[in-house]
Protein backbone atom coordinates (compact mmCIF):
# COMPACT_ATOMS: atom_id res chain seq x y z
CA MET A 1 110.06 118.36 118.80
CA GLU A 2 108.95 117.85 115.06
CA SER A 3 106.38 120.74 114.06
CA PRO A 4 102.67 119.45 114.13
CA GLY A 5 100.71 119.60 110.74
CA LEU A 6 97.28 121.52 109.92
CA TYR A 7 94.39 119.75 108.15
CA ILE A 8 91.81 121.47 106.75
CA HIS A 9 88.41 119.13 105.65
CA ILE A 10 86.41 121.01 102.82
CA PRO A 11 83.17 118.95 102.72
CA PHE A 12 82.01 119.85 99.09
CA CYS A 13 82.15 117.70 96.03
CA ARG A 14 80.38 118.03 92.65
CA SER A 15 79.20 114.53 93.02
CA LYS A 16 79.50 111.27 95.09
CA CYS A 17 81.64 108.75 93.40
CA PRO A 18 80.37 105.49 94.05
CA TYR A 19 83.37 104.01 96.07
CA CYS A 20 84.43 106.66 98.16
CA ALA A 21 83.50 106.96 102.49
CA PHE A 22 84.80 110.16 102.99
CA PHE A 23 82.67 113.00 104.16
CA SER A 24 81.29 115.37 101.74
CA VAL A 25 78.11 116.68 100.31
CA ALA A 26 77.36 117.11 96.54
CA SER A 27 75.98 120.72 97.13
CA SER A 28 77.66 123.79 97.51
CA ALA A 29 74.44 125.39 99.21
CA LEU A 30 75.91 125.12 102.74
CA VAL A 31 79.35 126.51 101.23
CA PRO A 32 78.75 130.20 103.44
CA ARG A 33 77.42 128.84 106.16
CA TRP A 34 80.49 126.22 106.93
CA LEU A 35 82.64 129.43 105.87
CA GLU A 36 81.44 131.13 109.02
CA ALA A 37 81.73 128.03 111.24
CA PHE A 38 84.77 127.38 109.78
CA ARG A 39 86.34 130.88 110.78
CA LYS A 40 85.15 130.48 114.06
CA GLU A 41 86.65 126.93 114.64
CA VAL A 42 89.69 128.44 113.81
CA CYS A 43 89.94 130.79 116.65
CA VAL A 44 89.00 127.95 119.03
CA TYR A 45 92.50 126.84 118.19
CA GLU A 46 94.62 129.47 117.83
CA ASP A 47 96.58 128.76 120.81
CA CYS A 48 96.90 125.19 121.01
CA TYR A 49 99.77 124.38 118.98
CA ASP A 50 103.13 125.68 117.96
CA GLN A 51 104.08 126.65 114.34
CA PHE A 52 102.81 124.37 111.69
CA ASP A 53 105.00 122.90 108.91
CA SER A 54 102.59 121.78 106.68
CA LEU A 55 99.14 122.43 105.67
CA TYR A 56 96.72 120.32 103.69
CA LEU A 57 93.47 121.14 102.23
CA GLY A 58 91.55 117.57 101.64
CA GLY A 59 87.72 116.58 101.33
CA GLY A 60 85.76 116.51 99.46
CA THR A 61 87.08 118.33 96.94
CA PRO A 62 88.55 121.55 97.95
CA THR A 63 89.44 123.08 94.28
CA VAL A 64 85.33 123.35 93.89
CA LEU A 65 85.30 126.18 96.08
CA ALA A 66 85.20 129.70 94.20
CA PRO A 67 88.19 131.18 94.32
CA GLU A 68 87.08 134.12 96.57
CA VAL A 69 85.96 131.39 98.91
CA LEU A 70 89.38 129.58 98.88
CA SER A 71 90.98 132.96 99.89
CA ARG A 72 88.68 133.87 102.73
CA THR A 73 89.76 130.32 104.06
CA MET A 74 93.55 130.53 103.79
CA ASP A 75 93.30 134.08 105.17
CA ALA A 76 91.45 132.98 108.50
CA VAL A 77 94.31 129.91 108.42
CA PHE A 78 97.01 132.29 108.14
CA THR A 79 95.84 135.21 109.91
CA HIS A 80 95.40 132.95 113.36
CA PHE A 81 98.02 130.34 113.12
CA MET A 82 101.93 130.21 112.69
CA PHE A 83 103.79 128.34 109.99
CA ALA A 84 107.44 127.73 109.09
CA SER A 85 109.12 129.56 106.20
CA ASP A 86 109.40 125.97 104.33
CA THR A 87 105.80 125.25 104.83
CA GLU A 88 104.22 121.88 102.37
CA ILE A 89 101.02 123.47 101.45
CA THR A 90 99.15 120.88 99.82
CA ILE A 91 95.57 121.22 98.31
CA GLU A 92 93.60 118.34 96.61
CA ALA A 93 92.14 118.85 93.25
CA ASN A 94 90.47 117.34 90.63
CA PRO A 95 91.52 117.79 87.06
CA CYS A 96 88.23 119.30 85.65
CA ASP A 97 88.41 122.33 88.13
CA LEU A 98 91.86 123.25 87.16
CA THR A 99 91.56 126.14 84.91
CA GLN A 100 94.70 128.42 84.12
CA ASN A 101 93.08 131.19 86.48
CA LYS A 102 92.32 128.98 89.18
CA ILE A 103 95.76 127.52 88.95
CA ARG A 104 97.08 131.00 88.81
CA THR A 105 94.85 131.72 91.97
CA LEU A 106 96.22 128.38 93.69
CA LYS A 107 99.80 129.89 93.57
CA ASP A 108 99.08 133.47 94.74
CA ILE A 109 97.32 132.25 97.67
CA GLY A 110 100.75 130.31 98.78
CA PHE A 111 99.98 126.74 97.64
CA ASN A 112 103.30 124.57 96.89
CA ARG A 113 102.00 121.43 96.37
CA VAL A 114 98.82 119.86 94.44
CA SER A 115 97.39 116.49 94.91
CA LEU A 116 95.47 115.71 91.51
CA GLY A 117 92.30 113.11 91.90
CA VAL A 118 93.71 111.55 88.65
CA GLN A 119 92.65 107.57 89.36
CA SER A 120 93.27 106.20 85.97
CA PHE A 121 94.18 107.36 82.51
CA ASP A 122 91.46 105.41 80.66
CA ASP A 123 88.14 107.29 80.11
CA HIS A 124 86.25 103.42 80.47
CA THR A 125 87.63 103.23 83.68
CA LEU A 126 86.98 106.86 84.81
CA SER A 127 83.34 106.69 83.80
CA PHE A 128 82.83 103.30 85.73
CA LEU A 129 84.49 105.20 88.84
CA GLY A 130 82.17 108.08 88.71
CA ARG A 131 84.69 110.46 87.96
CA GLY A 132 83.50 113.95 86.21
CA HIS A 133 86.63 114.55 84.15
CA SER A 134 88.31 112.62 81.25
CA VAL A 135 91.92 111.95 80.42
CA GLN A 136 92.13 115.00 78.19
CA GLN A 137 91.37 117.21 81.05
CA THR A 138 93.83 115.53 83.25
CA VAL A 139 96.64 115.89 80.85
CA LYS A 140 95.35 119.57 80.27
CA ALA A 141 95.29 120.11 84.08
CA ILE A 142 99.28 118.69 84.38
CA GLU A 143 100.37 121.19 81.53
CA CYS A 144 98.93 123.92 83.02
CA LEU A 145 100.12 123.47 86.64
CA ARG A 146 103.61 122.86 85.34
CA SER A 147 103.11 126.26 83.30
CA CYS A 148 102.19 127.88 86.27
CA GLY A 149 105.46 126.80 87.96
CA PHE A 150 103.93 123.84 90.27
CA GLU A 151 107.13 121.66 90.68
CA ASN A 152 105.59 119.40 93.60
CA ILE A 153 102.70 117.00 91.77
CA SER A 154 101.09 113.97 93.25
CA MET A 155 98.64 112.07 91.79
CA ASP A 156 96.28 109.51 93.36
CA LEU A 157 95.36 106.38 90.98
CA ILE A 158 92.76 103.81 91.99
CA TYR A 159 93.36 99.92 90.89
CA GLY A 160 92.32 96.35 91.57
CA PHE A 161 88.08 97.03 91.33
CA GLU A 162 86.29 94.24 89.64
CA GLY A 163 86.89 93.44 86.14
CA HIS A 164 90.03 95.85 86.30
CA LYS A 165 93.11 93.98 83.78
CA ILE A 166 96.53 94.30 85.09
CA ASP A 167 97.76 95.58 81.47
CA GLU A 168 95.32 98.26 81.85
CA TRP A 169 96.51 99.23 84.81
CA MET A 170 100.18 99.08 84.14
CA ASN A 171 99.45 101.00 80.99
CA THR A 172 98.24 103.74 83.22
CA LEU A 173 101.20 103.65 85.07
CA ARG A 174 103.01 104.23 82.11
CA GLN A 175 101.49 107.03 80.73
CA VAL A 176 101.50 108.58 84.39
CA ILE A 177 105.44 108.33 84.76
CA SER A 178 105.99 109.86 81.42
CA PHE A 179 104.45 112.82 83.52
CA GLN A 180 107.35 112.67 85.90
CA PRO A 181 105.00 113.35 88.79
CA GLU A 182 107.10 114.11 92.00
CA HIS A 183 104.66 111.58 93.99
CA LEU A 184 102.20 109.32 93.58
CA SER A 185 99.31 107.43 95.70
CA CYS A 186 98.28 104.17 94.18
CA TYR A 187 95.54 103.00 96.62
CA GLN A 188 94.27 99.60 95.76
CA PHE A 189 90.58 99.52 95.62
CA THR A 190 88.26 98.93 98.82
CA LEU A 191 84.65 97.97 99.40
CA GLU A 192 83.14 100.61 102.08
CA PRO A 193 80.13 100.45 103.53
CA LYS A 194 77.78 103.08 102.65
CA THR A 195 78.63 103.80 99.59
CA LEU A 196 76.88 102.74 96.37
CA PHE A 197 79.68 100.05 95.48
CA GLY A 198 79.36 98.74 99.17
CA ARG A 199 75.69 98.72 98.48
CA LEU A 200 75.98 96.99 95.45
CA HIS A 201 78.16 94.27 97.12
CA ASP A 202 75.81 93.78 99.78
CA LYS A 203 73.05 92.57 97.19
CA GLY A 204 75.62 90.74 95.58
CA LEU A 205 76.22 92.75 92.31
CA PHE A 206 79.50 93.60 92.94
CA GLN A 207 82.64 91.70 93.96
CA PRO A 208 86.28 92.44 94.69
CA ILE A 209 88.81 90.77 93.15
CA SER A 210 90.68 87.55 94.33
CA GLU A 211 93.64 87.92 97.29
CA GLU A 212 96.14 86.32 94.42
CA ASP A 213 95.28 89.21 92.13
CA GLU A 214 95.27 91.59 95.02
CA ARG A 215 98.88 90.31 95.55
CA ASP A 216 99.94 90.85 91.91
CA PHE A 217 98.92 94.31 91.43
CA PHE A 218 100.29 95.41 94.56
CA LEU A 219 103.86 93.74 93.71
CA LYS A 220 103.68 94.72 90.00
CA THR A 221 102.76 98.33 90.82
CA SER A 222 105.81 98.56 93.76
CA GLN A 223 108.11 96.83 90.99
CA PHE A 224 107.39 98.86 88.05
CA LEU A 225 107.41 101.96 89.82
CA GLU A 226 110.65 101.30 92.10
CA ASP A 227 112.64 100.15 88.47
CA ASN A 228 111.32 103.74 87.29
CA GLY A 229 113.00 105.63 89.83
CA TYR A 230 110.29 105.66 92.95
CA ILE A 231 110.68 105.44 96.32
CA HIS A 232 108.28 103.31 97.98
CA TYR A 233 107.71 104.36 101.38
CA GLU A 234 104.45 103.43 102.72
CA ILE A 235 102.05 100.94 101.34
CA SER A 236 100.19 103.39 98.80
CA ASN A 237 102.90 105.80 98.67
CA PHE A 238 105.62 106.50 96.52
CA ALA A 239 108.12 109.32 96.21
CA GLY A 240 110.22 110.61 93.35
CA ASP A 241 113.31 111.28 95.84
CA LYS A 242 113.27 111.48 99.52
CA LYS A 243 112.23 115.48 99.72
CA HIS A 244 109.00 114.73 97.77
CA VAL A 245 108.19 112.38 100.47
CA SER A 246 104.76 113.61 101.91
CA LEU A 247 105.59 115.66 105.11
CA HIS A 248 102.15 116.19 106.15
CA ASN A 249 101.02 112.62 105.74
CA SER A 250 104.06 111.35 107.09
CA LYS A 251 103.13 113.09 110.58
CA TYR A 252 100.36 110.61 111.10
CA TRP A 253 102.42 107.51 110.72
CA ARG A 254 104.61 108.67 112.76
CA HIS A 255 102.23 110.02 115.45
CA VAL A 256 103.32 113.78 115.09
CA PRO A 257 100.61 116.07 116.64
CA TYR A 258 98.33 117.42 114.18
CA LEU A 259 95.13 119.57 114.33
CA GLY A 260 92.35 119.05 111.92
CA ILE A 261 89.51 121.97 111.37
CA GLY A 262 86.26 121.16 109.23
CA PRO A 263 83.55 118.55 109.69
CA ALA A 264 84.68 114.94 110.33
CA ALA A 265 88.36 116.00 110.87
CA HIS A 266 90.37 114.46 113.04
CA SER A 267 93.17 115.45 115.75
CA PHE A 268 95.82 114.29 117.95
CA LEU A 269 97.83 116.01 120.65
CA ASP A 270 99.51 114.70 123.80
CA GLY A 271 98.23 111.12 123.47
CA ARG A 272 94.69 112.51 122.77
CA ARG A 273 92.61 112.12 119.32
CA TRP A 274 89.31 114.00 118.67
CA TRP A 275 87.39 113.90 115.85
CA ASN A 276 84.05 116.24 114.58
CA ILE A 277 80.92 116.12 113.71
CA ARG A 278 80.18 114.20 110.53
CA SER A 279 77.57 116.74 109.69
CA VAL A 280 77.86 120.06 108.09
CA ASP A 281 74.68 121.51 109.30
CA ASP A 282 75.15 120.23 112.87
CA TYR A 283 78.91 121.41 112.72
CA CYS A 284 77.77 124.74 111.85
CA ARG A 285 75.19 124.89 114.30
CA ALA A 286 77.60 123.72 117.35
CA LEU A 287 79.86 126.74 116.73
CA SER A 288 76.91 129.09 116.07
CA ASN A 289 75.93 128.28 119.64
CA GLY A 290 79.66 128.74 120.87
CA HIS A 291 80.16 124.85 121.19
CA PRO A 292 83.35 123.18 119.57
CA PRO A 293 82.12 120.53 117.00
CA VAL A 294 83.66 117.50 118.36
CA GLU A 295 81.63 114.69 118.52
CA GLU A 296 83.91 112.45 120.35
CA SER A 297 87.57 111.63 122.15
CA GLU A 298 89.60 108.89 123.24
CA THR A 299 93.07 109.22 125.44
CA LEU A 300 95.40 106.21 124.29
CA SER A 301 96.88 103.92 127.10
CA LYS A 302 100.48 103.45 126.68
CA GLU A 303 99.82 99.92 125.19
CA GLN A 304 97.26 101.40 122.96
CA HIS A 305 99.99 104.08 121.87
CA ARG A 306 102.75 101.01 121.29
CA LEU A 307 100.23 99.35 119.01
CA GLU A 308 99.27 102.19 116.99
CA MET A 309 102.93 102.94 116.48
CA LEU A 310 103.61 99.50 115.32
CA TYR A 311 100.48 99.17 113.02
CA LEU A 312 101.45 102.98 111.59
CA GLY A 313 105.43 102.25 111.22
CA LEU A 314 105.09 98.79 109.82
CA ARG A 315 103.44 100.33 106.86
CA THR A 316 106.33 102.52 105.45
CA VAL A 317 109.97 101.57 104.71
CA ASP A 318 111.14 103.44 108.22
CA GLY A 319 109.42 100.85 110.02
CA VAL A 320 109.95 100.67 113.79
CA ASP A 321 112.14 100.86 116.26
CA LEU A 322 113.06 97.82 118.13
CA GLY A 323 112.35 99.17 121.49
CA LEU A 324 108.58 98.82 120.32
CA VAL A 325 108.48 95.22 120.36
CA ASP A 326 109.05 93.38 123.67
CA ASN A 327 112.42 91.75 123.80
CA ARG A 328 111.30 88.69 125.25
CA GLN A 329 112.18 85.46 124.08
CA GLN A 330 108.60 85.06 122.28
CA SER A 331 109.28 88.44 120.63
CA ASN A 332 112.81 87.47 119.22
CA LYS A 333 111.72 84.01 117.94
CA ILE A 334 108.62 86.05 116.34
CA ILE A 335 111.07 88.23 114.36
CA ASP A 336 113.25 85.21 113.84
CA GLU A 337 110.71 83.68 111.95
CA LEU A 338 109.34 86.99 109.91
CA MET A 339 112.75 87.10 108.71
CA GLU A 340 113.08 83.83 107.75
CA SER A 341 109.88 84.37 105.41
CA GLY A 342 111.35 87.42 104.35
CA LEU A 343 108.66 89.55 105.33
CA VAL A 344 110.98 91.96 107.65
CA ASN A 345 114.48 92.91 107.79
CA VAL A 346 116.18 94.29 110.98
CA GLN A 347 118.56 97.43 110.07
CA ALA A 348 120.07 99.82 112.41
CA GLY A 349 117.65 98.51 115.60
CA ARG A 350 114.86 99.06 113.41
CA LEU A 351 112.01 96.22 112.17
CA ILE A 352 111.77 97.31 108.83
CA PRO A 353 108.83 95.73 106.33
CA THR A 354 109.74 94.06 102.88
CA ARG A 355 107.93 94.45 100.14
CA ARG A 356 106.35 90.99 100.54
CA GLY A 357 106.02 92.35 104.11
CA PHE A 358 103.74 95.34 103.16
CA LEU A 359 101.31 92.47 101.64
CA VAL A 360 100.39 91.65 105.46
CA ALA A 361 101.55 94.86 107.27
CA ASP A 362 98.22 95.16 109.24
CA SER A 363 98.04 91.90 111.00
CA LEU A 364 102.02 92.04 111.81
CA PRO A 365 101.45 94.14 115.05
CA LEU A 366 98.91 91.37 116.20
CA LEU A 367 102.05 89.44 116.45
CA PHE A 368 103.68 91.62 119.13
CA SER A 369 100.43 92.81 121.25
CA ASN A 370 100.27 91.67 124.83
């Protein structure tokens, strides 16, 4: 059995980006209440999971928290949970938060991996995306992280929004790899409901790019990064080598158990998934009244579990075991057709998506549904 992963959702940001659908509030007023409630939730799950080997602080923007709050947060975690000696400990960070003093604090606390919200190496694009940092701040943050001894840096990037030119994007990629990050997450822009860009789209004021342009962006990104030594191991993710594949995120794609703590955090164990209340106020109120802050839960049926394994696995370069695909004549015919179309390969008993297969990965599991 693989060790589970621990996710902590920090629901605070300096401001709300117009494309972001992750739960957060653009205020620090509730931080004291949240921290008190967080420490109570940690105690709820103290004996529910075995030793963790990955710990991920996401958000929101964890690095908006003051150093003493971050320290108290991690103290609670390390006091009540067990971790392997080589645990991957990641924190999401914005470049404008990373002063040298804060970076040293992160190192002292125990973080050994930083996921940096770069998004672009073009100041005009950063302004359009509502980001609070500049290219110069990104460069300075990277240099400070390296000087303080961080040897595992991931960078988040966004591409393919209205008006985005492929030449601008490729220039960003060239600048990014000049810093030799160990990991890259390249997310194709998505118009999410209830975001500012989503509302503008509903009014006809903001449009997605064409499917042909989406395809062009994706294929050129994959080819360029692979040509420069990166492994395209999941639709949006690239690692400099196998040891820098994100251990934590890989657990989600392989249905390994994980625990999520904080407002809107999700958890999975023994075929059951549950998720927390999507409100800082209600989250704190529930825990202050002695109740777990769970909003809803679901138990997966055998077929739901199989389809999820297909859906998640076919988004990765590892693919899925052929045992997840019914060995009926119809299934074998579908696999043959997908191979002839250049969308999948079969290797060592596994169904593996190709680069072109990644383009249609979300629809592939539907071909094998009962």
